[in-house]
């Protein structure tokens, strides 16, 4: 068994999986048949990403359940219906911050 994904990383990966560009599966992640980068480093997919991909179906089911229970058709509608959710409408649509993957 693999260890548990740290909570902070799990939140970022779950957001990416559910609302972002998604997480590439390992065969797409490697980018070549050799599984090696030019520098000799392995391109094997991190175990945390593999764990999140295994949980994909359960995460999507849980999201649908939460939205249904709250009568929301999407995540934005759900967030706006929460206490303080109207403050989200005041947030600029295009953030000035950038997330850098290293």
Protein backbone atom coordinates (compact mmCIF):
# COMPACT_ATOMS: atom_id res chain seq x y z
CA UNK A 1 0.00 0.00 0.00
CA UNK A 2 1.09 3.54 -0.77
CA UNK A 3 1.07 6.11 2.04
CA UNK A 4 -1.75 8.66 2.21
CA UNK A 5 -1.46 11.73 0.02
CA UNK A 6 -0.80 14.79 2.24
CA UNK A 7 -4.01 16.80 2.68
CA UNK A 8 -2.70 20.01 1.11
CA UNK A 9 -1.46 18.15 -1.98
CA UNK A 10 -4.67 16.11 -2.19
CA UNK A 11 -6.71 19.33 -2.27
CA UNK A 12 -4.62 20.77 -5.10
CA UNK A 13 -4.71 17.54 -7.11
CA UNK A 14 -8.46 17.06 -6.53
CA UNK A 15 -9.12 20.61 -7.74
CA UNK A 16 -6.96 20.00 -10.82
CA UNK A 17 -8.72 16.70 -11.49
CA UNK A 18 -12.28 18.02 -11.04
CA UNK A 19 -12.07 21.63 -12.23
CA UNK A 20 -8.72 22.11 -13.92
CA UNK A 21 -7.01 20.58 -16.91
CA UNK A 22 -7.05 17.14 -15.31
CA UNK A 23 -4.21 14.79 -14.49
CA UNK A 24 -2.52 12.93 -17.33
CA UNK A 25 -2.42 9.17 -17.06
CA UNK A 26 1.00 7.56 -16.80
CA UNK A 27 1.30 6.50 -20.45
CA UNK A 28 0.66 10.12 -21.49
CA UNK A 29 2.83 11.47 -18.67
CA UNK A 30 6.03 9.77 -19.79
CA UNK A 31 5.94 11.29 -23.26
CA UNK A 32 8.16 8.56 -24.72
CA UNK A 33 8.62 4.83 -24.82
CA UNK A 34 11.73 4.97 -22.68
CA UNK A 35 10.21 6.72 -19.69
CA UNK A 36 13.39 8.77 -19.33
CA UNK A 37 14.11 12.46 -19.76
CA UNK A 38 17.21 13.55 -21.64
CA UNK A 39 18.93 14.35 -18.34
CA UNK A 40 18.52 10.74 -17.26
CA UNK A 41 15.80 11.46 -14.70
CA UNK A 42 12.78 9.16 -14.68
CA UNK A 43 9.47 10.57 -15.90
CA UNK A 44 7.41 8.01 -13.99
CA UNK A 45 4.18 9.54 -12.76
CA UNK A 46 4.27 10.49 -9.05
CA UNK A 47 2.41 8.05 -6.80
CA UNK A 48 0.26 10.92 -5.49
CA UNK A 49 -1.12 11.52 -8.99
CA UNK A 50 -1.75 7.79 -9.48
CA UNK A 51 -3.64 7.71 -6.18
CA UNK A 52 -5.84 10.63 -7.24
CA UNK A 53 -6.55 9.00 -10.61
CA UNK A 54 -7.69 5.85 -8.77
CA UNK A 55 -10.02 8.04 -6.68
CA UNK A 56 -11.37 9.97 -9.71
CA UNK A 57 -14.69 8.11 -9.96
CA UNK A 58 -15.38 8.40 -6.22
CA UNK A 59 -14.45 12.11 -6.17
CA UNK A 60 -16.78 12.88 -9.09
CA UNK A 61 -19.59 10.88 -7.46
CA UNK A 62 -19.11 12.78 -4.18
CA UNK A 63 -19.13 16.12 -6.03
CA UNK A 64 -22.37 15.23 -7.87
CA UNK A 65 -23.93 14.18 -4.56
CA UNK A 66 -22.99 17.44 -2.81
CA UNK A 67 -24.31 19.51 -5.71
CA UNK A 68 -27.57 17.52 -5.83
CA UNK A 69 -28.12 17.77 -2.05
CA UNK A 70 -27.74 21.55 -2.26
CA UNK A 71 -29.79 22.03 -5.41
CA UNK A 72 -26.85 23.46 -7.34
CA UNK A 73 -26.22 22.65 -10.99
CA UNK A 74 -22.49 23.38 -10.82
CA UNK A 75 -19.70 24.11 -8.35
CA UNK A 76 -19.92 27.88 -8.88
CA UNK A 77 -23.63 27.88 -8.04
CA UNK A 78 -22.92 25.82 -4.93
CA UNK A 79 -20.18 28.18 -3.74
CA UNK A 80 -22.32 31.26 -4.36
CA UNK A 81 -25.13 29.75 -2.27
CA UNK A 82 -22.85 29.30 0.74
CA UNK A 83 -22.53 31.91 3.51
CA UNK A 84 -20.17 34.57 2.19
CA UNK A 85 -20.42 33.13 -1.28
CA UNK A 86 -21.59 36.39 -2.77
CA UNK A 87 -18.11 37.75 -2.04
CA UNK A 88 -16.85 35.37 -4.72
CA UNK A 89 -18.63 37.44 -7.35
CA UNK A 90 -16.43 40.39 -6.38
CA UNK A 91 -13.22 38.43 -7.10
CA UNK A 92 -11.71 39.25 -10.51
CA UNK A 93 -12.25 36.51 -13.08
CA UNK A 94 -8.60 36.64 -14.10
CA UNK A 95 -6.19 36.28 -11.23
CA UNK A 96 -2.89 38.15 -11.25
CA UNK A 97 -1.21 35.15 -9.64
CA UNK A 98 0.41 32.29 -11.50
CA UNK A 99 0.79 28.69 -10.39
CA UNK A 100 4.17 27.31 -11.39
CA UNK A 101 4.67 23.56 -11.74
CA UNK A 102 8.25 22.51 -11.15
